[in-house]
């Protein structure tokens, strides 16, 4: 059951270097440092988003980190195939509820999850940026490809940091193969 749900997850987010820090190092000042690293560039905030939804078997997603990346009114828009054919626009909290609802952490079939960027195309002008991020999904530590697609991140620079305004995504299962120009070396 989890395998089917895991394949349906669209936005799953490469472990950043900060994600590997021991929990003891993530004190209040560590959190401020992590936030600073996570939001320092368009590339960094995209990697932080992927890291926040990566999880080892038996562990939960890092929703606290995830929430800190988004503007309060940000939107996440999955492809319709992942929502049973329905088009939906989700807040970060609605996205979290959706993913938690299809994830059985600690259950007998819990294989963990990771989604990693394999190619990013960054376009930036002034205080706005767009990152077309091609990703691949796997169970934690696994080599079997669960899915591939593109996350379209819309970002804004404000208050001395980058914020995610929105993420829209689609996967090969509904859209067809990712074009060569969006693949590594493309």
C-alpha atoms as a PDB file:
ATOM      1  CA  UNK A   1       0.000   0.000   0.000  1.00  0.00           C
ATOM      2  CA  UNK A   2       2.752   2.463   0.894  1.00  0.00           C
ATOM      3  CA  UNK A   3       4.574   1.683  -2.343  1.00  0.00           C
ATOM      4  CA  UNK A   4       1.599   2.837  -4.412  1.00  0.00           C
ATOM      5  CA  UNK A   5       1.273   5.995  -2.345  1.00  0.00           C
ATOM      6  CA  UNK A   6       4.986   6.711  -2.420  1.00  0.00           C
ATOM      7  CA  UNK A   7       4.957   6.526  -6.218  1.00  0.00           C
ATOM      8  CA  UNK A   8       2.184   9.093  -6.203  1.00  0.00           C
ATOM      9  CA  UNK A   9       4.030  11.664  -4.163  1.00  0.00           C
ATOM     10  CA  UNK A  10       4.999  14.437  -6.516  1.00  0.00           C
ATOM     11  CA  UNK A  11       6.922  16.887  -4.512  1.00  0.00           C
ATOM     12  CA  UNK A  12       9.492  15.085  -2.577  1.00  0.00           C
ATOM     13  CA  UNK A  13      12.261  16.815  -1.671  1.00  0.00           C
ATOM     14  CA  UNK A  14      18.511  15.880  -2.086  1.00  0.00           C
ATOM     15  CA  UNK A  15      19.673  15.997   1.375  1.00  0.00           C
ATOM     16  CA  UNK A  16      21.366  19.331   1.993  1.00  0.00           C
ATOM     17  CA  UNK A  17      24.481  19.493   4.052  1.00  0.00           C
ATOM     18  CA  UNK A  18      22.625  21.022   6.972  1.00  0.00           C
ATOM     19  CA  UNK A  19      20.142  18.119   7.029  1.00  0.00           C
ATOM     20  CA  UNK A  20      22.993  15.848   8.045  1.00  0.00           C
ATOM     21  CA  UNK A  21      23.776  17.896  11.168  1.00  0.00           C
ATOM     22  CA  UNK A  22      23.276  16.045  14.449  1.00  0.00           C
ATOM     23  CA  UNK A  23      20.086  17.048  16.240  1.00  0.00           C
ATOM     24  CA  UNK A  24      22.094  18.467  19.130  1.00  0.00           C
ATOM     25  CA  UNK A  25      23.670  20.956  16.729  1.00  0.00           C
ATOM     26  CA  UNK A  26      20.251  22.188  15.651  1.00  0.00           C
ATOM     27  CA  UNK A  27      19.623  24.419  18.664  1.00  0.00           C
ATOM     28  CA  UNK A  28      17.863  27.772  18.369  1.00  0.00           C
ATOM     29  CA  UNK A  29      21.045  29.340  17.010  1.00  0.00           C
ATOM     30  CA  UNK A  30      21.545  26.273  14.823  1.00  0.00           C
ATOM     31  CA  UNK A  31      18.049  26.748  13.426  1.00  0.00           C
ATOM     32  CA  UNK A  32      18.823  30.378  12.592  1.00  0.00           C
ATOM     33  CA  UNK A  33      22.037  29.261  10.884  1.00  0.00           C
ATOM     34  CA  UNK A  34      20.179  26.510   9.017  1.00  0.00           C
ATOM     35  CA  UNK A  35      17.543  29.016   7.900  1.00  0.00           C
ATOM     36  CA  UNK A  36      20.293  31.347   6.698  1.00  0.00           C
ATOM     37  CA  UNK A  37      21.959  28.558   4.695  1.00  0.00           C
ATOM     38  CA  UNK A  38      18.620  27.204   3.395  1.00  0.00           C
ATOM     39  CA  UNK A  39      17.428  30.582   2.111  1.00  0.00           C
ATOM     40  CA  UNK A  40      20.677  32.124   0.858  1.00  0.00           C
ATOM     41  CA  UNK A  41      20.153  31.453  -2.855  1.00  0.00           C
ATOM     42  CA  UNK A  42      17.576  30.004  -5.244  1.00  0.00           C
ATOM     43  CA  UNK A  43      19.623  26.806  -5.450  1.00  0.00           C
ATOM     44  CA  UNK A  44      19.900  26.514  -1.655  1.00  0.00           C
ATOM     45  CA  UNK A  45      16.174  26.906  -0.980  1.00  0.00           C
ATOM     46  CA  UNK A  46      15.332  24.279  -3.614  1.00  0.00           C
ATOM     47  CA  UNK A  47      17.784  21.817  -2.027  1.00  0.00           C
ATOM     48  CA  UNK A  48      16.334  22.596   1.420  1.00  0.00           C
ATOM     49  CA  UNK A  49      12.816  21.850   0.152  1.00  0.00           C
ATOM     50  CA  UNK A  50      13.961  18.453  -1.136  1.00  0.00           C
ATOM     51  CA  UNK A  51      15.822  17.760   2.120  1.00  0.00           C
ATOM     52  CA  UNK A  52      12.757  18.576   4.236  1.00  0.00           C
ATOM     53  CA  UNK A  53      10.686  15.855   2.612  1.00  0.00           C
ATOM     54  CA  UNK A  54      13.388  13.210   2.548  1.00  0.00           C
ATOM     55  CA  UNK A  55      13.117  10.727   5.376  1.00  0.00           C
ATOM     56  CA  UNK A  56      14.685   7.501   6.543  1.00  0.00           C
ATOM     57  CA  UNK A  57      12.386   4.541   7.288  1.00  0.00           C
ATOM     58  CA  UNK A  58      10.675   5.103  10.627  1.00  0.00           C
ATOM     59  CA  UNK A  59      11.377   8.835  10.666  1.00  0.00           C
ATOM     60  CA  UNK A  60       9.000  11.708   9.948  1.00  0.00           C
ATOM     61  CA  UNK A  61       9.386  14.448   7.377  1.00  0.00           C
ATOM     62  CA  UNK A  62      10.985  17.674   8.602  1.00  0.00           C
ATOM     63  CA  UNK A  63       7.820  19.771   8.416  1.00  0.00           C
ATOM     64  CA  UNK A  64       9.250  22.458  10.682  1.00  0.00           C
ATOM     65  CA  UNK A  65      12.050  23.100   8.195  1.00  0.00           C
ATOM     66  CA  UNK A  66       9.621  22.820   5.279  1.00  0.00           C
ATOM     67  CA  UNK A  67       7.272  25.465   6.717  1.00  0.00           C
ATOM     68  CA  UNK A  68      10.120  27.961   7.197  1.00  0.00           C
ATOM     69  CA  UNK A  69      10.851  27.984   3.449  1.00  0.00           C
ATOM     70  CA  UNK A  70       7.440  29.299   2.333  1.00  0.00           C
ATOM     71  CA  UNK A  71       5.678  32.631   2.362  1.00  0.00           C
ATOM     72  CA  UNK A  72       2.481  32.344   4.453  1.00  0.00           C
ATOM     73  CA  UNK A  73       0.195  32.382   1.385  1.00  0.00           C
ATOM     74  CA  UNK A  74       2.362  30.136  -0.808  1.00  0.00           C
ATOM     75  CA  UNK A  75       0.707  27.564  -3.059  1.00  0.00           C
ATOM     76  CA  UNK A  76       1.624  24.032  -4.116  1.00  0.00           C
ATOM     77  CA  UNK A  77      -0.052  22.658  -7.229  1.00  0.00           C
ATOM     78  CA  UNK A  78       0.368  18.936  -7.985  1.00  0.00           C
ATOM     79  CA  UNK A  79      -0.432  17.403 -11.316  1.00  0.00           C
ATOM     80  CA  UNK A  80      -4.007  16.064 -11.494  1.00  0.00           C
ATOM     81  CA  UNK A  81      -2.917  12.403 -11.765  1.00  0.00           C
ATOM     82  CA  UNK A  82      -1.535  12.563  -8.247  1.00  0.00           C
ATOM     83  CA  UNK A  83      -4.816  13.831  -6.831  1.00  0.00           C
ATOM     84  CA  UNK A  84      -7.131  11.283  -8.459  1.00  0.00           C
ATOM     85  CA  UNK A  85      -7.691  13.397 -11.578  1.00  0.00           C
ATOM     86  CA  UNK A  86      -8.690  16.520  -9.668  1.00  0.00           C
ATOM     87  CA  UNK A  87      -6.891  19.830 -10.076  1.00  0.00           C
ATOM     88  CA  UNK A  88      -6.041  21.276  -6.681  1.00  0.00           C
ATOM     89  CA  UNK A  89      -4.189  24.221  -5.200  1.00  0.00           C
ATOM     90  CA  UNK A  90      -2.765  23.523  -1.751  1.00  0.00           C
ATOM     91  CA  UNK A  91      -1.345  25.675   1.017  1.00  0.00           C
ATOM     92  CA  UNK A  92       1.803  24.328   2.662  1.00  0.00           C
ATOM     93  CA  UNK A  93      -0.388  23.051   5.540  1.00  0.00           C
ATOM     94  CA  UNK A  94      -2.753  21.279   3.129  1.00  0.00           C
ATOM     95  CA  UNK A  95       0.237  19.716   1.351  1.00  0.00           C
ATOM     96  CA  UNK A  96       1.586  18.471   4.690  1.00  0.00           C
ATOM     97  CA  UNK A  97      -1.812  16.967   5.589  1.00  0.00           C
ATOM     98  CA  UNK A  98      -2.009  15.246   2.174  1.00  0.00           C
ATOM     99  CA  UNK A  99       1.466  13.713   2.430  1.00  0.00           C
ATOM    100  CA  UNK A 100       0.994  12.669   6.064  1.00  0.00           C
ATOM    101  CA  UNK A 101      -2.308  11.068   5.033  1.00  0.00           C
ATOM    102  CA  UNK A 102      -0.632   8.765   2.497  1.00  0.00           C
ATOM    103  CA  UNK A 103       2.487   7.973   4.543  1.00  0.00           C
ATOM    104  CA  UNK A 104       2.561   5.161   7.091  1.00  0.00           C
ATOM    105  CA  UNK A 105       5.656   6.098   9.101  1.00  0.00           C
ATOM    106  CA  UNK A 106       6.999   3.109  11.003  1.00  0.00           C
ATOM    107  CA  UNK A 107       4.605   0.649   9.397  1.00  0.00           C
ATOM    108  CA  UNK A 108       5.768  -2.719   8.085  1.00  0.00           C
ATOM    109  CA  UNK A 109       6.141  -1.342   4.552  1.00  0.00           C
ATOM    110  CA  UNK A 110       7.887   1.908   5.527  1.00  0.00           C
ATOM    111  CA  UNK A 111      10.840   2.208   3.148  1.00  0.00           C
ATOM    112  CA  UNK A 112      11.478   5.913   3.701  1.00  0.00           C
ATOM    113  CA  UNK A 113      11.596   8.361   0.828  1.00  0.00           C
ATOM    114  CA  UNK A 114      13.841  10.736  -1.042  1.00  0.00           C
ATOM    115  CA  UNK A 115      13.404  13.023  -3.990  1.00  0.00           C
ATOM    116  CA  UNK A 116      16.531  14.603  -5.420  1.00  0.00           C
ATOM    117  CA  UNK A 117      17.208  17.303  -7.962  1.00  0.00           C
ATOM    118  CA  UNK A 118      19.156  15.906 -10.904  1.00  0.00           C
ATOM    119  CA  UNK A 119      19.174  19.140 -12.938  1.00  0.00           C
ATOM    120  CA  UNK A 120      18.222  22.732 -12.102  1.00  0.00           C
ATOM    121  CA  UNK A 121      17.656  25.562 -14.545  1.00  0.00           C
ATOM    122  CA  UNK A 122      17.660  28.882 -12.641  1.00  0.00           C
ATOM    123  CA  UNK A 123      16.337  32.118 -14.126  1.00  0.00           C
ATOM    124  CA  UNK A 124      16.649  35.254 -12.016  1.00  0.00           C
ATOM    125  CA  UNK A 125      15.744  38.917 -12.417  1.00  0.00           C
ATOM    126  CA  UNK A 126      15.987  41.345  -9.510  1.00  0.00           C
ATOM    127  CA  UNK A 127      14.065  39.971  -6.549  1.00  0.00           C
ATOM    128  CA  UNK A 128      12.352  37.109  -8.377  1.00  0.00           C
ATOM    129  CA  UNK A 129      13.648  33.739  -9.487  1.00  0.00           C
ATOM    130  CA  UNK A 130      12.285  30.657 -11.168  1.00  0.00           C
ATOM    131  CA  UNK A 131      13.881  27.237 -10.809  1.00  0.00           C
ATOM    132  CA  UNK A 132      12.872  24.444 -13.172  1.00  0.00           C
ATOM    133  CA  UNK A 133      14.082  21.482 -11.099  1.00  0.00           C
ATOM    134  CA  UNK A 134      14.123  18.011 -12.616  1.00  0.00           C
ATOM    135  CA  UNK A 135      13.851  15.411  -9.870  1.00  0.00           C
ATOM    136  CA  UNK A 136      13.946  11.665  -9.355  1.00  0.00           C
ATOM    137  CA  UNK A 137      12.131   9.830  -6.538  1.00  0.00           C
ATOM    138  CA  UNK A 138      13.380   6.735  -4.700  1.00  0.00           C
ATOM    139  CA  UNK A 139      12.802   4.868  -1.493  1.00  0.00           C
ATOM    140  CA  UNK A 140      15.444   5.870   1.057  1.00  0.00           C
ATOM    141  CA  UNK A 141      18.775   4.360  -0.040  1.00  0.00           C
ATOM    142  CA  UNK A 142      17.135   2.516  -2.938  1.00  0.00           C
ATOM    143  CA  UNK A 143      18.150   2.527  -6.583  1.00  0.00           C
ATOM    144  CA  UNK A 144      14.736   1.764  -8.092  1.00  0.00           C
ATOM    145  CA  UNK A 145      13.290   4.853  -9.732  1.00  0.00           C
ATOM    146  CA  UNK A 146       9.770   5.564  -8.426  1.00  0.00           C
ATOM    147  CA  UNK A 147       9.197   8.563 -10.652  1.00  0.00           C
ATOM    148  CA  UNK A 148      10.725  11.526 -12.401  1.00  0.00           C
ATOM    149  CA  UNK A 149       9.346  14.952 -13.145  1.00  0.00           C
ATOM    150  CA  UNK A 150       9.858  18.683 -12.941  1.00  0.00           C
ATOM    151  CA  UNK A 151       9.143  20.987 -10.016  1.00  0.00           C
ATOM    152  CA  UNK A 152       8.642  24.601 -11.046  1.00  0.00           C
ATOM    153  CA  UNK A 153       9.671  26.747  -8.062  1.00  0.00           C
ATOM    154  CA  UNK A 154       8.655  30.417  -7.979  1.00  0.00           C
ATOM    155  CA  UNK A 155      10.807  32.395  -5.535  1.00  0.00           C
ATOM    156  CA  UNK A 156      11.027  35.932  -4.189  1.00  0.00           C
ATOM    157  CA  UNK A 157      13.794  37.776  -2.305  1.00  0.00           C
ATOM    158  CA  UNK A 158      12.423  39.648   0.722  1.00  0.00           C
ATOM    159  CA  UNK A 159      13.616  40.469   4.236  1.00  0.00           C
ATOM    160  CA  UNK A 160      17.175  39.424   3.368  1.00  0.00           C
ATOM    161  CA  UNK A 161      16.313  35.891   2.239  1.00  0.00           C
ATOM    162  CA  UNK A 162      14.664  33.809  -0.480  1.00  0.00           C
ATOM    163  CA  UNK A 163      11.088  32.535  -0.007  1.00  0.00           C
ATOM    164  CA  UNK A 164       9.105  29.938  -1.936  1.00  0.00           C
ATOM    165  CA  UNK A 165       5.980  31.576  -3.350  1.00  0.00           C
ATOM    166  CA  UNK A 166       4.760  28.489  -5.152  1.00  0.00           C
ATOM    167  CA  UNK A 167       5.621  25.101  -6.571  1.00  0.00           C
ATOM    168  CA  UNK A 168       3.865  23.553  -9.566  1.00  0.00           C
ATOM    169  CA  UNK A 169       4.896  20.118 -10.776  1.00  0.00           C
ATOM    170  CA  UNK A 170       4.265  17.344 -13.233  1.00  0.00           C
ATOM    171  CA  UNK A 171       5.644  13.847 -13.677  1.00  0.00           C
ATOM    172  CA  UNK A 172       6.538  11.671 -16.604  1.00  0.00           C
ATOM    173  CA  UNK A 173       3.643   9.326 -15.782  1.00  0.00           C
ATOM    174  CA  UNK A 174       1.191  11.957 -17.023  1.00  0.00           C
ATOM    175  CA  UNK A 175       3.306  14.342 -19.093  1.00  0.00           C
ATOM    176  CA  UNK A 176       5.639  11.984 -20.947  1.00  0.00           C
ATOM    177  CA  UNK A 177       9.443  11.833 -20.802  1.00  0.00           C
ATOM    178  CA  UNK A 178      11.346  14.814 -19.407  1.00  0.00           C
ATOM    179  CA  UNK A 179      12.897  16.593 -22.419  1.00  0.00           C
ATOM    180  CA  UNK A 180      16.677  16.314 -22.844  1.00  0.00           C
ATOM    181  CA  UNK A 181      17.306  19.998 -22.130  1.00  0.00           C
ATOM    182  CA  UNK A 182      15.982  19.450 -18.580  1.00  0.00           C
ATOM    183  CA  UNK A 183      18.141  16.389 -17.893  1.00  0.00           C
ATOM    184  CA  UNK A 184      21.718  16.317 -16.596  1.00  0.00           C
ATOM    185  CA  UNK A 185      24.042  17.458 -19.369  1.00  0.00           C
ATOM    186  CA  UNK A 186      21.051  18.814 -21.306  1.00  0.00           C
END
